[in-house]
N, C-alpha and C. Protein backbone atom coordinates (compact mmCIF):
# COMPACT_ATOMS: atom_id res chain seq x y z
N MET A 1 -40.83 -0.78 -2.78
CA MET A 1 -39.50 -0.78 -3.39
C MET A 1 -38.96 0.65 -3.50
N LYS A 2 -39.83 1.59 -3.87
CA LYS A 2 -39.37 2.97 -4.04
C LYS A 2 -38.88 3.56 -2.71
N LYS A 3 -39.45 3.10 -1.60
CA LYS A 3 -39.02 3.61 -0.30
C LYS A 3 -37.67 3.05 0.11
N LEU A 4 -37.30 1.90 -0.42
CA LEU A 4 -36.04 1.27 -0.06
C LEU A 4 -34.84 1.95 -0.71
N ILE A 5 -35.01 2.50 -1.89
CA ILE A 5 -33.90 3.12 -2.60
C ILE A 5 -33.34 4.32 -1.82
N PRO A 6 -34.16 5.29 -1.40
CA PRO A 6 -33.59 6.39 -0.61
C PRO A 6 -32.96 5.91 0.70
N PHE A 7 -33.58 4.92 1.33
CA PHE A 7 -33.03 4.37 2.56
C PHE A 7 -31.65 3.76 2.32
N ALA A 8 -31.53 3.00 1.25
CA ALA A 8 -30.25 2.37 0.91
C ALA A 8 -29.19 3.41 0.60
N MET A 9 -29.57 4.47 -0.10
CA MET A 9 -28.62 5.54 -0.42
C MET A 9 -28.17 6.25 0.85
N LEU A 10 -29.09 6.55 1.72
CA LEU A 10 -28.78 7.22 2.98
C LEU A 10 -27.88 6.35 3.85
N THR A 11 -28.17 5.08 3.90
CA THR A 11 -27.36 4.16 4.67
C THR A 11 -25.94 4.09 4.14
N SER A 12 -25.78 4.06 2.84
CA SER A 12 -24.44 3.97 2.26
C SER A 12 -23.63 5.24 2.52
N VAL A 13 -24.29 6.39 2.58
CA VAL A 13 -23.58 7.64 2.86
C VAL A 13 -23.02 7.62 4.27
N PHE A 14 -23.82 7.17 5.23
CA PHE A 14 -23.37 7.15 6.60
C PHE A 14 -22.45 5.98 6.90
N ALA A 15 -22.50 4.94 6.13
CA ALA A 15 -21.65 3.77 6.35
C ALA A 15 -20.28 3.95 5.71
N ALA A 16 -20.14 4.81 4.73
CA ALA A 16 -18.88 4.99 4.01
C ALA A 16 -17.71 5.33 4.94
N PRO A 17 -17.87 6.22 5.92
CA PRO A 17 -16.74 6.52 6.79
C PRO A 17 -16.25 5.31 7.59
N VAL A 18 -17.08 4.32 7.78
CA VAL A 18 -16.67 3.13 8.51
C VAL A 18 -15.61 2.36 7.73
N TRP A 19 -15.67 2.41 6.41
CA TRP A 19 -14.71 1.69 5.58
C TRP A 19 -13.33 2.34 5.65
N ALA A 20 -13.29 3.64 5.80
CA ALA A 20 -12.03 4.36 5.83
C ALA A 20 -11.51 4.38 7.27
N ALA A 21 -10.21 4.32 7.40
CA ALA A 21 -9.60 4.41 8.72
C ALA A 21 -8.61 5.56 8.73
N THR A 22 -8.62 6.28 9.81
CA THR A 22 -7.66 7.37 9.97
C THR A 22 -6.36 6.77 10.48
N GLN A 23 -5.27 7.13 9.82
CA GLN A 23 -3.95 6.66 10.20
C GLN A 23 -3.08 7.85 10.58
N THR A 24 -2.17 7.64 11.49
CA THR A 24 -1.20 8.67 11.84
C THR A 24 0.18 8.06 11.72
N VAL A 25 1.06 8.75 11.01
CA VAL A 25 2.45 8.30 10.89
C VAL A 25 3.37 9.45 11.29
N ILE A 26 4.52 9.09 11.75
CA ILE A 26 5.56 10.08 12.05
C ILE A 26 6.65 9.89 11.01
N LEU A 27 6.90 10.95 10.26
CA LEU A 27 7.95 10.92 9.25
C LEU A 27 9.20 11.59 9.80
N SER A 28 10.31 10.92 9.71
CA SER A 28 11.59 11.52 10.03
C SER A 28 12.05 12.29 8.80
N VAL A 29 12.32 13.58 8.97
CA VAL A 29 12.73 14.44 7.85
C VAL A 29 14.05 15.11 8.24
N PRO A 30 15.16 14.38 8.14
CA PRO A 30 16.44 14.90 8.63
C PRO A 30 17.00 16.08 7.86
N GLY A 31 16.52 16.31 6.65
CA GLY A 31 17.04 17.39 5.82
C GLY A 31 16.53 18.78 6.18
N MET A 32 15.64 18.89 7.15
CA MET A 32 15.14 20.21 7.55
C MET A 32 16.21 20.90 8.40
N THR A 33 16.67 22.06 7.93
CA THR A 33 17.77 22.74 8.62
C THR A 33 17.50 24.20 8.98
N CYS A 34 16.40 24.76 8.45
CA CYS A 34 16.14 26.18 8.73
C CYS A 34 14.65 26.39 9.01
N ALA A 35 14.28 27.58 9.38
CA ALA A 35 12.90 27.89 9.75
C ALA A 35 11.93 27.76 8.58
N ALA A 36 12.40 27.86 7.35
CA ALA A 36 11.52 27.75 6.19
C ALA A 36 11.22 26.29 5.83
N CYS A 37 12.07 25.39 6.24
CA CYS A 37 11.89 23.98 5.88
C CYS A 37 10.57 23.39 6.36
N PRO A 38 10.19 23.57 7.64
CA PRO A 38 8.92 23.00 8.09
C PRO A 38 7.71 23.57 7.34
N ILE A 39 7.81 24.81 6.94
CA ILE A 39 6.72 25.44 6.18
C ILE A 39 6.55 24.72 4.85
N THR A 40 7.67 24.47 4.17
CA THR A 40 7.63 23.79 2.88
C THR A 40 7.13 22.36 3.04
N VAL A 41 7.63 21.64 4.03
CA VAL A 41 7.22 20.25 4.25
C VAL A 41 5.72 20.20 4.55
N LYS A 42 5.25 21.09 5.41
CA LYS A 42 3.82 21.10 5.74
C LYS A 42 2.98 21.39 4.50
N LYS A 43 3.43 22.31 3.68
CA LYS A 43 2.69 22.68 2.48
C LYS A 43 2.57 21.51 1.51
N VAL A 44 3.67 20.81 1.25
CA VAL A 44 3.61 19.70 0.29
C VAL A 44 2.80 18.53 0.83
N LEU A 45 2.89 18.28 2.14
CA LEU A 45 2.11 17.19 2.72
C LEU A 45 0.63 17.53 2.72
N SER A 46 0.30 18.78 2.97
CA SER A 46 -1.11 19.19 3.01
C SER A 46 -1.79 19.07 1.65
N LYS A 47 -1.02 19.09 0.59
CA LYS A 47 -1.58 18.98 -0.76
C LYS A 47 -1.92 17.55 -1.16
N VAL A 48 -1.43 16.56 -0.41
CA VAL A 48 -1.71 15.16 -0.71
C VAL A 48 -3.18 14.89 -0.37
N ASP A 49 -3.89 14.25 -1.28
CA ASP A 49 -5.30 13.94 -1.08
C ASP A 49 -5.48 13.06 0.15
N GLY A 50 -6.44 13.40 1.00
CA GLY A 50 -6.76 12.58 2.16
C GLY A 50 -6.09 13.02 3.45
N ILE A 51 -5.26 14.05 3.39
CA ILE A 51 -4.58 14.53 4.58
C ILE A 51 -5.57 15.26 5.48
N GLU A 52 -5.56 14.90 6.75
CA GLU A 52 -6.44 15.54 7.72
C GLU A 52 -5.70 16.54 8.60
N GLU A 53 -4.45 16.23 8.96
CA GLU A 53 -3.68 17.12 9.82
C GLU A 53 -2.20 16.88 9.63
N VAL A 54 -1.42 17.97 9.66
CA VAL A 54 0.03 17.89 9.55
C VAL A 54 0.64 18.78 10.62
N LYS A 55 1.53 18.21 11.41
CA LYS A 55 2.30 18.98 12.39
C LYS A 55 3.77 18.71 12.11
N VAL A 56 4.54 19.78 11.90
CA VAL A 56 5.94 19.63 11.56
C VAL A 56 6.79 20.29 12.63
N SER A 57 7.83 19.61 13.07
CA SER A 57 8.73 20.12 14.09
C SER A 57 10.15 20.19 13.54
N LEU A 58 10.70 21.40 13.50
CA LEU A 58 12.08 21.56 13.06
C LEU A 58 13.02 20.99 14.12
N ALA A 59 12.73 21.24 15.39
CA ALA A 59 13.60 20.78 16.48
C ALA A 59 13.75 19.25 16.47
N GLN A 60 12.66 18.55 16.21
CA GLN A 60 12.72 17.09 16.20
C GLN A 60 12.93 16.53 14.80
N ARG A 61 12.91 17.42 13.81
CA ARG A 61 13.07 17.03 12.40
C ARG A 61 12.10 15.90 12.04
N GLU A 62 10.81 16.19 12.30
CA GLU A 62 9.79 15.20 12.01
C GLU A 62 8.48 15.86 11.62
N ALA A 63 7.64 15.07 10.97
CA ALA A 63 6.29 15.50 10.61
C ALA A 63 5.33 14.43 11.09
N VAL A 64 4.32 14.85 11.83
CA VAL A 64 3.27 13.94 12.29
C VAL A 64 2.09 14.18 11.37
N VAL A 65 1.69 13.14 10.63
CA VAL A 65 0.67 13.29 9.60
C VAL A 65 -0.49 12.34 9.87
N THR A 66 -1.70 12.91 9.90
CA THR A 66 -2.91 12.12 10.05
C THR A 66 -3.64 12.17 8.71
N PHE A 67 -4.04 10.98 8.23
CA PHE A 67 -4.64 10.90 6.90
C PHE A 67 -5.68 9.80 6.83
N ASP A 68 -6.50 9.89 5.80
CA ASP A 68 -7.54 8.89 5.51
C ASP A 68 -6.89 7.83 4.63
N ASP A 69 -6.78 6.62 5.16
CA ASP A 69 -6.06 5.58 4.41
C ASP A 69 -6.83 5.03 3.21
N SER A 70 -8.07 5.48 3.02
CA SER A 70 -8.77 5.09 1.80
C SER A 70 -8.44 6.03 0.65
N LYS A 71 -7.78 7.15 0.96
CA LYS A 71 -7.45 8.14 -0.07
C LYS A 71 -5.96 8.24 -0.36
N THR A 72 -5.13 7.85 0.58
CA THR A 72 -3.69 7.93 0.36
C THR A 72 -2.98 6.89 1.22
N ARG A 73 -1.69 6.77 0.99
CA ARG A 73 -0.86 5.82 1.73
C ARG A 73 0.40 6.53 2.21
N ALA A 74 1.08 5.93 3.14
CA ALA A 74 2.30 6.52 3.69
C ALA A 74 3.36 6.73 2.61
N GLU A 75 3.38 5.85 1.63
CA GLU A 75 4.35 5.99 0.53
C GLU A 75 4.16 7.29 -0.24
N ALA A 76 2.91 7.73 -0.37
CA ALA A 76 2.63 9.00 -1.06
C ALA A 76 3.17 10.18 -0.27
N LEU A 77 3.16 10.08 1.05
CA LEU A 77 3.70 11.15 1.89
C LEU A 77 5.21 11.23 1.73
N ILE A 78 5.84 10.07 1.74
CA ILE A 78 7.29 10.01 1.56
C ILE A 78 7.68 10.56 0.19
N SER A 79 6.91 10.22 -0.82
CA SER A 79 7.15 10.71 -2.17
C SER A 79 6.99 12.23 -2.24
N ALA A 80 5.96 12.75 -1.58
CA ALA A 80 5.71 14.20 -1.62
C ALA A 80 6.86 14.97 -1.00
N THR A 81 7.35 14.52 0.16
CA THR A 81 8.46 15.25 0.78
C THR A 81 9.73 15.09 -0.05
N GLY A 82 9.96 13.90 -0.58
CA GLY A 82 11.14 13.67 -1.40
C GLY A 82 11.15 14.53 -2.66
N ASN A 83 9.99 14.66 -3.30
CA ASN A 83 9.89 15.48 -4.50
C ASN A 83 10.13 16.96 -4.20
N ALA A 84 9.90 17.37 -2.95
CA ALA A 84 10.14 18.75 -2.56
C ALA A 84 11.58 18.96 -2.09
N GLY A 85 12.38 17.91 -2.11
CA GLY A 85 13.78 18.04 -1.71
C GLY A 85 14.04 17.66 -0.25
N TYR A 86 13.06 17.05 0.38
CA TYR A 86 13.21 16.64 1.78
C TYR A 86 12.91 15.16 1.92
N PRO A 87 13.89 14.30 1.62
CA PRO A 87 13.67 12.87 1.76
C PRO A 87 13.23 12.53 3.19
N SER A 88 12.29 11.60 3.30
CA SER A 88 11.80 11.24 4.62
C SER A 88 11.60 9.73 4.70
N GLU A 89 11.41 9.26 5.90
CA GLU A 89 11.09 7.85 6.12
C GLU A 89 10.21 7.75 7.36
N ILE A 90 9.48 6.67 7.45
CA ILE A 90 8.60 6.47 8.58
C ILE A 90 9.44 6.16 9.81
N ARG A 91 9.19 6.93 10.86
CA ARG A 91 9.90 6.70 12.11
C ARG A 91 9.26 5.52 12.82
N ARG A 92 10.04 4.58 13.23
CA ARG A 92 9.54 3.38 13.90
C ARG A 92 9.60 3.53 15.40
């Protein structure tokens, strides 16, 4: 029995990433108008728990965000940009 406990703990550590799924969304951020805007949008999105990568384009007025869906949701990303003064929505 004592040998099973460490095995079970080790198994759960390696199995945990299977439960989480990486998601990527494209946010339309039409309010970005200057070179400083993408910096601000990237900064606020990067602070959201579970964010893995953020790419922001001023020319396309969008942010491509990759995140762990067990830690955050797309609604939290929209809220983060909106709270920073850059309302956004998921691009379909």
